[in-house]
Amino acid sequence: MEDSYCLVTVPILLGAGVMQLRVISQFEERHEEAFARSTGITVEAVNSIKTVASLSLEHEILTTYRRSLEAPRKEITRASMYANLWLAIAHSVSNLV
């Protein structure tokens, strides 16, 4: 009889895990372009490091890089809190049962 109580938690744990993965994948899909753009800025700056250094463009490139990651940086706290909520539910349910 006690084993059947443990089996009740399996769908809840699976559901919480799926929701956590869904939150993380939605965040990644939403900000994929911003990450690709920031990587492109970095690669371009590194490839032409002599030009960047000779023209003293370090601060402008850094500002552009930070601006390209501004939207994901603002949303990452909310997305990680939501994903961790599902993780907490998964851990709590198994302990409560």
C-alpha atoms as a PDB file:
ATOM      1  CA  MET A   1       0.000   0.000   0.000  1.00  0.00           C
ATOM      2  CA  GLU A   2       2.849   2.396   0.796  1.00  0.00           C
ATOM      3  CA  ASP A   3       4.322   1.831  -2.663  1.00  0.00           C
ATOM      4  CA  SER A   4       1.176   3.165  -4.305  1.00  0.00           C
ATOM      5  CA  TYR A   5       1.640   6.476  -2.466  1.00  0.00           C
ATOM      6  CA  CYS A   6       5.076   6.823  -4.013  1.00  0.00           C
ATOM      7  CA  LEU A   7       3.687   6.139  -7.490  1.00  0.00           C
ATOM      8  CA  VAL A   8       1.293   9.059  -7.084  1.00  0.00           C
ATOM      9  CA  THR A   9       4.238  11.456  -7.084  1.00  0.00           C
ATOM     10  CA  VAL A  10       5.639  10.262 -10.425  1.00  0.00           C
ATOM     11  CA  PRO A  11       3.225  12.230 -12.660  1.00  0.00           C
ATOM     12  CA  ILE A  12       3.645  15.322 -10.504  1.00  0.00           C
ATOM     13  CA  LEU A  13       7.435  15.058 -10.622  1.00  0.00           C
ATOM     14  CA  LEU A  14       7.389  14.498 -14.382  1.00  0.00           C
ATOM     15  CA  GLY A  15       5.019  17.422 -14.881  1.00  0.00           C
ATOM     16  CA  ALA A  16       7.194  19.732 -12.799  1.00  0.00           C
ATOM     17  CA  GLY A  17      10.297  18.620 -14.705  1.00  0.00           C
ATOM     18  CA  VAL A  18       8.624  19.198 -18.052  1.00  0.00           C
ATOM     19  CA  MET A  19       7.461  22.655 -16.981  1.00  0.00           C
ATOM     20  CA  GLN A  20      10.974  23.555 -15.835  1.00  0.00           C
ATOM     21  CA  LEU A  21      12.455  22.480 -19.168  1.00  0.00           C
ATOM     22  CA  ARG A  22       9.704  24.354 -21.011  1.00  0.00           C
ATOM     23  CA  VAL A  23      10.495  27.608 -19.177  1.00  0.00           C
ATOM     24  CA  ILE A  24      14.210  27.293 -19.931  1.00  0.00           C
ATOM     25  CA  SER A  25      13.663  26.436 -23.602  1.00  0.00           C
ATOM     26  CA  GLN A  26      11.213  29.323 -24.087  1.00  0.00           C
ATOM     27  CA  PHE A  27      13.752  31.734 -22.617  1.00  0.00           C
ATOM     28  CA  GLU A  28      16.432  30.403 -24.941  1.00  0.00           C
ATOM     29  CA  GLU A  29      14.189  30.607 -28.022  1.00  0.00           C
ATOM     30  CA  ARG A  30      13.068  34.124 -27.176  1.00  0.00           C
ATOM     31  CA  HIS A  31      16.588  35.454 -26.811  1.00  0.00           C
ATOM     32  CA  GLU A  32      18.457  33.320 -29.326  1.00  0.00           C
ATOM     33  CA  GLU A  33      18.881  36.268 -31.692  1.00  0.00           C
ATOM     34  CA  ALA A  34      20.302  38.499 -28.946  1.00  0.00           C
ATOM     35  CA  PHE A  35      22.868  35.862 -27.994  1.00  0.00           C
ATOM     36  CA  ALA A  36      23.855  35.343 -31.630  1.00  0.00           C
ATOM     37  CA  ARG A  37      24.190  39.094 -32.151  1.00  0.00           C
ATOM     38  CA  SER A  38      26.361  39.524 -29.051  1.00  0.00           C
ATOM     39  CA  THR A  39      28.555  36.623 -30.144  1.00  0.00           C
ATOM     40  CA  GLY A  40      28.924  38.241 -33.561  1.00  0.00           C
ATOM     41  CA  ILE A  41      29.977  41.534 -31.959  1.00  0.00           C
ATOM     42  CA  THR A  42      32.576  39.727 -29.881  1.00  0.00           C
ATOM     43  CA  VAL A  43      33.969  37.714 -32.793  1.00  0.00           C
ATOM     44  CA  GLU A  44      34.191  40.798 -34.991  1.00  0.00           C
ATOM     45  CA  ALA A  45      35.983  42.774 -32.267  1.00  0.00           C
ATOM     46  CA  VAL A  46      38.469  39.982 -31.598  1.00  0.00           C
ATOM     47  CA  ASN A  47      39.155  39.430 -35.301  1.00  0.00           C
ATOM     48  CA  SER A  48      39.935  43.108 -35.788  1.00  0.00           C
ATOM     49  CA  ILE A  49      41.595  43.736 -32.438  1.00  0.00           C
ATOM     50  CA  LYS A  50      44.382  45.860 -33.948  1.00  0.00           C
ATOM     51  CA  THR A  51      41.881  48.218 -35.559  1.00  0.00           C
ATOM     52  CA  VAL A  52      39.825  48.406 -32.372  1.00  0.00           C
ATOM     53  CA  ALA A  53      42.911  49.197 -30.296  1.00  0.00           C
ATOM     54  CA  SER A  54      44.323  51.732 -32.732  1.00  0.00           C
ATOM     55  CA  LEU A  55      41.035  53.648 -32.971  1.00  0.00           C
ATOM     56  CA  SER A  56      40.285  53.290 -29.227  1.00  0.00           C
ATOM     57  CA  LEU A  57      36.890  51.688 -29.856  1.00  0.00           C
ATOM     58  CA  GLU A  58      36.935  49.401 -26.822  1.00  0.00           C
ATOM     59  CA  HIS A  59      34.294  51.344 -24.900  1.00  0.00           C
ATOM     60  CA  GLU A  60      31.920  51.618 -27.870  1.00  0.00           C
ATOM     61  CA  ILE A  61      32.181  47.900 -28.591  1.00  0.00           C
ATOM     62  CA  LEU A  62      31.623  47.054 -24.932  1.00  0.00           C
ATOM     63  CA  THR A  63      28.598  49.373 -24.824  1.00  0.00           C
ATOM     64  CA  THR A  64      27.165  47.765 -27.965  1.00  0.00           C
ATOM     65  CA  TYR A  65      27.771  44.296 -26.512  1.00  0.00           C
ATOM     66  CA  ARG A  66      26.038  45.176 -23.239  1.00  0.00           C
ATOM     67  CA  ARG A  67      23.117  46.765 -25.092  1.00  0.00           C
ATOM     68  CA  SER A  68      22.638  43.595 -27.168  1.00  0.00           C
ATOM     69  CA  LEU A  69      22.301  41.538 -23.964  1.00  0.00           C
ATOM     70  CA  GLU A  70      20.126  44.012 -22.073  1.00  0.00           C
ATOM     71  CA  ALA A  71      16.778  42.315 -22.777  1.00  0.00           C
ATOM     72  CA  PRO A  72      17.922  38.795 -21.812  1.00  0.00           C
ATOM     73  CA  ARG A  73      19.636  40.100 -18.691  1.00  0.00           C
ATOM     74  CA  LYS A  74      16.416  41.748 -17.491  1.00  0.00           C
ATOM     75  CA  GLU A  75      14.321  38.662 -18.113  1.00  0.00           C
ATOM     76  CA  ILE A  76      16.749  36.045 -16.820  1.00  0.00           C
ATOM     77  CA  THR A  77      15.826  36.713 -13.189  1.00  0.00           C
ATOM     78  CA  ARG A  78      12.133  36.203 -13.843  1.00  0.00           C
ATOM     79  CA  ALA A  79      12.688  33.102 -15.960  1.00  0.00           C
ATOM     80  CA  SER A  80      15.056  31.507 -13.460  1.00  0.00           C
ATOM     81  CA  MET A  81      12.664  32.198 -10.581  1.00  0.00           C
ATOM     82  CA  TYR A  82       9.825  30.554 -12.503  1.00  0.00           C
ATOM     83  CA  ALA A  83      11.984  27.540 -13.420  1.00  0.00           C
ATOM     84  CA  ASN A  84      13.182  27.197  -9.826  1.00  0.00           C
ATOM     85  CA  LEU A  85       9.581  27.306  -8.635  1.00  0.00           C
ATOM     86  CA  TRP A  86       8.907  24.142 -10.629  1.00  0.00           C
ATOM     87  CA  LEU A  87      12.084  22.584  -9.257  1.00  0.00           C
ATOM     88  CA  ALA A  88      10.970  23.396  -5.708  1.00  0.00           C
ATOM     89  CA  ILE A  89       7.562  21.851  -6.395  1.00  0.00           C
ATOM     90  CA  ALA A  90       9.209  18.673  -7.653  1.00  0.00           C
ATOM     91  CA  HIS A  91      11.393  18.369  -4.560  1.00  0.00           C
ATOM     92  CA  SER A  92       8.658  19.333  -2.129  1.00  0.00           C
ATOM     93  CA  VAL A  93       6.083  16.894  -3.474  1.00  0.00           C
ATOM     94  CA  SER A  94       8.396  13.917  -3.114  1.00  0.00           C
ATOM     95  CA  ASN A  95       9.240  14.893   0.473  1.00  0.00           C
ATOM     96  CA  LEU A  96       5.661  15.657   1.480  1.00  0.00           C
ATOM     97  CA  VAL A  97       4.330  12.337   0.273  1.00  0.00           C
END
